[in-house]
Structures are given as C-alpha cells and as structure tokens.
Amino acid sequence: MNDFLMHGQMQALTDMEIRMMNPLKLAYLGDAIYEAYIRLYIVSMHTLTPHEMAKKAISYVKASAQSNLIKGIKPLLTEDEWTIVKRGRNQKSATVPKNALLSDYKYATGFEALIGYLYLIGDKARVYELIHQGIAFIDSGEKPIYDKGDDEV
C-alpha cells in the first residue's frame, strides 16, 4: 500500500498511524478489498450470468454472512487481530442498517476493519488467508459457536 502512496507522491502511513486509524476508515477500505476478492472468486469459480454473479456475491458480502464469517474464523485470529475486530465492531456508525440486524452489521464492520488494517500494514498473505478461510466457512453452511465473551469490549 505504501508503494502505491509513494508512487503517487502521497505520504506513506506508518504502522502506528495505521494502528491508530479510525476503525470506520479501516472498514471502508476493507469492504472494498473484500468485495473485490469475492468478485474475483466468483468469476474464477463459477460460470454464471452477471445477474447470477451479483446474487452469489450478496451471499458472501451481506452483513449476516460477514458476521458469521468473522465468528467462524475467530479461532484463527491472533489477539491483536481480534482487538482490531472489536474496535471496528464497537464503533458508532452514522448509518443504521435497513436489511440487517444491528449486531450483524457491527460484526461485519469489525471484519472489514480487520481486512483494511491487514491490507494497510502490507500483510496481504494474511488478508487472502482469512478471506479464503471465511469463504470456506460460509460455503460449509456451519453456524459459528457463540462465545459469550464475544460481546465484551
């Protein structure tokens, strides 16, 4: 990421600046990265019409899917990664979801914040690993095991 910024003569971000960044900014970036990855996955794995691809993508990117995804891959996360998820989850958003439960929306925001964070620090391999594991979890149809500690800050 810093290569991109420096190439455009923009100031590169330090690790501390990234760690202290507003989680909603991280989620903003993470949302775009996750959606792009999902689109690439669908194009490469399925022979569908554009309309069918859009419907398939929704099954991965909607808030309830991302909420289940992050809860399902929680055992794979480091303590630092889970802290980023919680920071994103606990942020107050100016928007209220129309077609999602608030709790799902908050966990989805936490997941997106984690993806944005990992991307900015340059750990793209970890981004791809977590998204791959998340897709596998969604495709398995499993439900995450609820941990009462999930709701703690």
C-alpha atoms as a PDB file:
ATOM      1  CA  MET A   1       0.000   0.000   0.000  1.00  0.00           C
ATOM      2  CA  ASN A   2       2.755   2.410   0.891  1.00  0.00           C
ATOM      3  CA  ASP A   3       4.324   1.749  -2.539  1.00  0.00           C
ATOM      4  CA  PHE A   4       1.104   2.960  -4.144  1.00  0.00           C
ATOM      5  CA  LEU A   5       1.006   6.063  -1.960  1.00  0.00           C
ATOM      6  CA  MET A   6       4.654   6.937  -2.529  1.00  0.00           C
ATOM      7  CA  HIS A   7       4.327   6.410  -6.289  1.00  0.00           C
ATOM      8  CA  GLY A   8       1.566   9.000  -6.327  1.00  0.00           C
ATOM      9  CA  GLN A   9       3.750  11.287  -4.192  1.00  0.00           C
ATOM     10  CA  MET A  10       1.398  10.877  -1.226  1.00  0.00           C
ATOM     11  CA  GLN A  11       2.768  10.388   2.258  1.00  0.00           C
ATOM     12  CA  ALA A  12       3.172   6.763   3.339  1.00  0.00           C
ATOM     13  CA  LEU A  13       1.454   5.707   6.543  1.00  0.00           C
ATOM     14  CA  THR A  14       3.463   4.459   9.499  1.00  0.00           C
ATOM     15  CA  ASP A  15       2.473   1.329  11.397  1.00  0.00           C
ATOM     16  CA  MET A  16       1.436   3.498  14.353  1.00  0.00           C
ATOM     17  CA  GLU A  17      -0.739   5.729  12.145  1.00  0.00           C
ATOM     18  CA  ILE A  18      -2.438   2.635  10.735  1.00  0.00           C
ATOM     19  CA  ARG A  19      -2.971   1.102  14.184  1.00  0.00           C
ATOM     20  CA  MET A  20      -4.481   4.359  15.491  1.00  0.00           C
ATOM     21  CA  MET A  21      -6.639   4.986  12.413  1.00  0.00           C
ATOM     22  CA  ASN A  22     -10.380   5.305  12.917  1.00  0.00           C
ATOM     23  CA  PRO A  23     -11.777   1.764  12.571  1.00  0.00           C
ATOM     24  CA  LEU A  24     -14.516   3.024  10.242  1.00  0.00           C
ATOM     25  CA  LYS A  25     -11.816   4.160   7.804  1.00  0.00           C
ATOM     26  CA  LEU A  26     -10.253   0.717   8.010  1.00  0.00           C
ATOM     27  CA  ALA A  27     -13.684  -0.836   7.435  1.00  0.00           C
ATOM     28  CA  TYR A  28     -14.281   1.439   4.438  1.00  0.00           C
ATOM     29  CA  LEU A  29     -11.135   0.098   2.811  1.00  0.00           C
ATOM     30  CA  GLY A  30     -11.701  -3.473   3.997  1.00  0.00           C
ATOM     31  CA  ASP A  31     -15.191  -3.515   2.486  1.00  0.00           C
ATOM     32  CA  ALA A  32     -13.811  -2.680  -0.966  1.00  0.00           C
ATOM     33  CA  ILE A  33     -10.996  -5.224  -0.693  1.00  0.00           C
ATOM     34  CA  TYR A  34     -13.331  -7.997   0.471  1.00  0.00           C
ATOM     35  CA  GLU A  35     -15.886  -7.293  -2.249  1.00  0.00           C
ATOM     36  CA  ALA A  36     -13.196  -7.254  -4.953  1.00  0.00           C
ATOM     37  CA  TYR A  37     -11.850 -10.594  -3.693  1.00  0.00           C
ATOM     38  CA  ILE A  38     -15.354 -12.100  -3.653  1.00  0.00           C
ATOM     39  CA  ARG A  39     -15.993 -10.930  -7.220  1.00  0.00           C
ATOM     40  CA  LEU A  40     -12.695 -12.454  -8.354  1.00  0.00           C
ATOM     41  CA  TYR A  41     -13.562 -15.700  -6.551  1.00  0.00           C
ATOM     42  CA  ILE A  42     -16.996 -15.889  -8.194  1.00  0.00           C
ATOM     43  CA  VAL A  43     -15.661 -15.101 -11.670  1.00  0.00           C
ATOM     44  CA  SER A  44     -12.942 -17.745 -11.341  1.00  0.00           C
ATOM     45  CA  MET A  45     -15.015 -20.484  -9.692  1.00  0.00           C
ATOM     46  CA  HIS A  46     -18.429 -20.235 -11.328  1.00  0.00           C
ATOM     47  CA  THR A  47     -19.916 -20.000 -14.797  1.00  0.00           C
ATOM     48  CA  LEU A  48     -22.796 -17.618 -14.185  1.00  0.00           C
ATOM     49  CA  THR A  49     -24.545 -14.702 -15.819  1.00  0.00           C
ATOM     50  CA  PRO A  50     -23.738 -11.236 -14.451  1.00  0.00           C
ATOM     51  CA  HIS A  51     -27.087 -11.210 -12.603  1.00  0.00           C
ATOM     52  CA  GLU A  52     -26.377 -14.631 -11.066  1.00  0.00           C
ATOM     53  CA  MET A  53     -22.885 -13.485 -10.084  1.00  0.00           C
ATOM     54  CA  ALA A  54     -24.329 -10.430  -8.335  1.00  0.00           C
ATOM     55  CA  LYS A  55     -26.784 -12.609  -6.396  1.00  0.00           C
ATOM     56  CA  LYS A  56     -23.983 -15.033  -5.468  1.00  0.00           C
ATOM     57  CA  ALA A  57     -21.772 -12.154  -4.290  1.00  0.00           C
ATOM     58  CA  ILE A  58     -24.520 -10.912  -1.979  1.00  0.00           C
ATOM     59  CA  SER A  59     -24.491 -14.274  -0.187  1.00  0.00           C
ATOM     60  CA  TYR A  60     -20.876 -13.521   0.831  1.00  0.00           C
ATOM     61  CA  VAL A  61     -20.898  -9.765   1.385  1.00  0.00           C
ATOM     62  CA  LYS A  62     -24.165  -9.174   3.252  1.00  0.00           C
ATOM     63  CA  ALA A  63     -23.790  -8.266   6.909  1.00  0.00           C
ATOM     64  CA  SER A  64     -25.156 -11.569   8.248  1.00  0.00           C
ATOM     65  CA  ALA A  65     -22.660 -13.549   6.137  1.00  0.00           C
ATOM     66  CA  GLN A  66     -19.724 -11.415   7.260  1.00  0.00           C
ATOM     67  CA  SER A  67     -20.888 -11.640  10.869  1.00  0.00           C
ATOM     68  CA  ASN A  68     -20.997 -15.444  10.677  1.00  0.00           C
ATOM     69  CA  LEU A  69     -17.667 -15.450   8.838  1.00  0.00           C
ATOM     70  CA  ILE A  70     -15.784 -13.490  11.491  1.00  0.00           C
ATOM     71  CA  LYS A  71     -17.296 -15.547  14.308  1.00  0.00           C
ATOM     72  CA  GLY A  72     -16.463 -18.741  12.412  1.00  0.00           C
ATOM     73  CA  ILE A  73     -12.812 -17.843  11.849  1.00  0.00           C
ATOM     74  CA  LYS A  74     -12.295 -16.302  15.290  1.00  0.00           C
ATOM     75  CA  PRO A  75     -10.161 -19.292  16.431  1.00  0.00           C
ATOM     76  CA  LEU A  76      -7.706 -18.469  13.623  1.00  0.00           C
ATOM     77  CA  LEU A  77      -7.226 -14.856  14.710  1.00  0.00           C
ATOM     78  CA  THR A  78      -4.414 -13.559  16.854  1.00  0.00           C
ATOM     79  CA  GLU A  79      -5.205 -11.500  19.929  1.00  0.00           C
ATOM     80  CA  ASP A  80      -4.147  -8.335  18.068  1.00  0.00           C
ATOM     81  CA  GLU A  81      -6.398  -9.188  15.124  1.00  0.00           C
ATOM     82  CA  TRP A  82      -9.381  -9.803  17.404  1.00  0.00           C
ATOM     83  CA  THR A  83      -8.691  -6.436  19.069  1.00  0.00           C
ATOM     84  CA  ILE A  84      -8.998  -4.748  15.651  1.00  0.00           C
ATOM     85  CA  VAL A  85     -12.285  -6.609  15.053  1.00  0.00           C
ATOM     86  CA  LYS A  86     -13.641  -5.426  18.408  1.00  0.00           C
ATOM     87  CA  ARG A  87     -12.573  -1.834  17.728  1.00  0.00           C
ATOM     88  CA  GLY A  88     -14.447  -1.906  14.430  1.00  0.00           C
ATOM     89  CA  ARG A  89     -17.443  -3.668  15.952  1.00  0.00           C
ATOM     90  CA  ASN A  90     -17.723  -1.154  18.781  1.00  0.00           C
ATOM     91  CA  GLN A  91     -17.611   1.990  16.628  1.00  0.00           C
ATOM     92  CA  LYS A  92     -20.729   4.088  16.361  1.00  0.00           C
ATOM     93  CA  SER A  93     -21.811   4.413  12.761  1.00  0.00           C
ATOM     94  CA  ALA A  94     -23.792   7.286  11.270  1.00  0.00           C
ATOM     95  CA  THR A  95     -25.868   4.797   9.303  1.00  0.00           C
ATOM     96  CA  VAL A  96     -28.300   2.191  10.562  1.00  0.00           C
ATOM     97  CA  PRO A  97     -28.674  -0.977   8.511  1.00  0.00           C
ATOM     98  CA  LYS A  98     -32.006  -1.411   6.726  1.00  0.00           C
ATOM     99  CA  ASN A  99     -31.757  -5.083   5.836  1.00  0.00           C
ATOM    100  CA  ALA A 100     -29.562  -6.400   8.642  1.00  0.00           C
ATOM    101  CA  LEU A 101     -29.567  -6.905  12.364  1.00  0.00           C
ATOM    102  CA  LEU A 102     -27.538  -4.256  14.149  1.00  0.00           C
ATOM    103  CA  SER A 103     -25.354  -6.926  15.782  1.00  0.00           C
ATOM    104  CA  ASP A 104     -24.588  -8.494  12.389  1.00  0.00           C
ATOM    105  CA  TYR A 105     -23.778  -5.064  10.959  1.00  0.00           C
ATOM    106  CA  LYS A 106     -21.369  -4.363  13.825  1.00  0.00           C
ATOM    107  CA  TYR A 107     -19.516  -7.675  13.426  1.00  0.00           C
ATOM    108  CA  ALA A 108     -19.362  -7.132   9.662  1.00  0.00           C
ATOM    109  CA  THR A 109     -17.809  -3.727  10.311  1.00  0.00           C
ATOM    110  CA  GLY A 110     -15.283  -5.383  12.617  1.00  0.00           C
ATOM    111  CA  PHE A 111     -14.378  -7.916   9.937  1.00  0.00           C
ATOM    112  CA  GLU A 112     -13.986  -5.198   7.317  1.00  0.00           C
ATOM    113  CA  ALA A 113     -11.813  -3.153   9.699  1.00  0.00           C
ATOM    114  CA  LEU A 114      -9.529  -6.157  10.138  1.00  0.00           C
ATOM    115  CA  ILE A 115      -9.203  -6.649   6.374  1.00  0.00           C
ATOM    116  CA  GLY A 116      -8.450  -2.943   5.885  1.00  0.00           C
ATOM    117  CA  TYR A 117      -5.884  -2.979   8.690  1.00  0.00           C
ATOM    118  CA  LEU A 118      -4.056  -6.058   7.407  1.00  0.00           C
ATOM    119  CA  TYR A 119      -4.001  -4.645   3.899  1.00  0.00           C
ATOM    120  CA  LEU A 120      -2.563  -1.319   5.031  1.00  0.00           C
ATOM    121  CA  ILE A 121       0.206  -2.918   7.088  1.00  0.00           C
ATOM    122  CA  GLY A 122       1.132  -4.901   3.982  1.00  0.00           C
ATOM    123  CA  ASP A 123       0.127  -8.367   5.198  1.00  0.00           C
ATOM    124  CA  LYS A 124      -1.724  -9.316   2.036  1.00  0.00           C
ATOM    125  CA  ALA A 125      -0.971 -13.013   2.550  1.00  0.00           C
ATOM    126  CA  ARG A 126      -2.916 -12.861   5.815  1.00  0.00           C
ATOM    127  CA  VAL A 127      -5.776 -10.982   4.100  1.00  0.00           C
ATOM    128  CA  TYR A 128      -6.026 -13.715   1.479  1.00  0.00           C
ATOM    129  CA  GLU A 129      -5.745 -16.482   4.076  1.00  0.00           C
ATOM    130  CA  LEU A 130      -8.539 -15.091   6.249  1.00  0.00           C
ATOM    131  CA  ILE A 131     -10.831 -14.378   3.311  1.00  0.00           C
ATOM    132  CA  HIS A 132     -10.181 -17.875   1.917  1.00  0.00           C
ATOM    133  CA  GLN A 133     -10.958 -19.444   5.299  1.00  0.00           C
ATOM    134  CA  GLY A 134     -14.050 -17.242   5.605  1.00  0.00           C
ATOM    135  CA  ILE A 135     -15.340 -18.319   2.201  1.00  0.00           C
ATOM    136  CA  ALA A 136     -14.812 -21.950   3.171  1.00  0.00           C
ATOM    137  CA  PHE A 137     -16.728 -21.348   6.406  1.00  0.00           C
ATOM    138  CA  ILE A 138     -19.648 -19.685   4.587  1.00  0.00           C
ATOM    139  CA  ASP A 139     -19.707 -22.424   1.937  1.00  0.00           C
ATOM    140  CA  SER A 140     -19.752 -25.118   4.638  1.00  0.00           C
ATOM    141  CA  GLY A 141     -23.072 -23.791   5.947  1.00  0.00           C
ATOM    142  CA  GLU A 142     -21.837 -24.162   9.522  1.00  0.00           C
ATOM    143  CA  LYS A 143     -23.057 -21.823  12.207  1.00  0.00           C
ATOM    144  CA  PRO A 144     -20.438 -20.260  14.448  1.00  0.00           C
ATOM    145  CA  ILE A 145     -20.232 -21.352  18.045  1.00  0.00           C
ATOM    146  CA  TYR A 146     -21.341 -18.381  20.110  1.00  0.00           C
ATOM    147  CA  ASP A 147     -18.854 -17.294  22.735  1.00  0.00           C
ATOM    148  CA  LYS A 148     -20.344 -15.110  25.490  1.00  0.00           C
ATOM    149  CA  GLY A 149     -17.018 -13.282  25.570  1.00  0.00           C
ATOM    150  CA  ASP A 150     -17.735 -12.004  22.052  1.00  0.00           C
ATOM    151  CA  ASP A 151     -19.814  -9.132  23.374  1.00  0.00           C
ATOM    152  CA  GLU A 152     -17.171  -7.863  25.743  1.00  0.00           C
ATOM    153  CA  VAL A 153     -15.135  -4.829  24.733  1.00  0.00           C
END
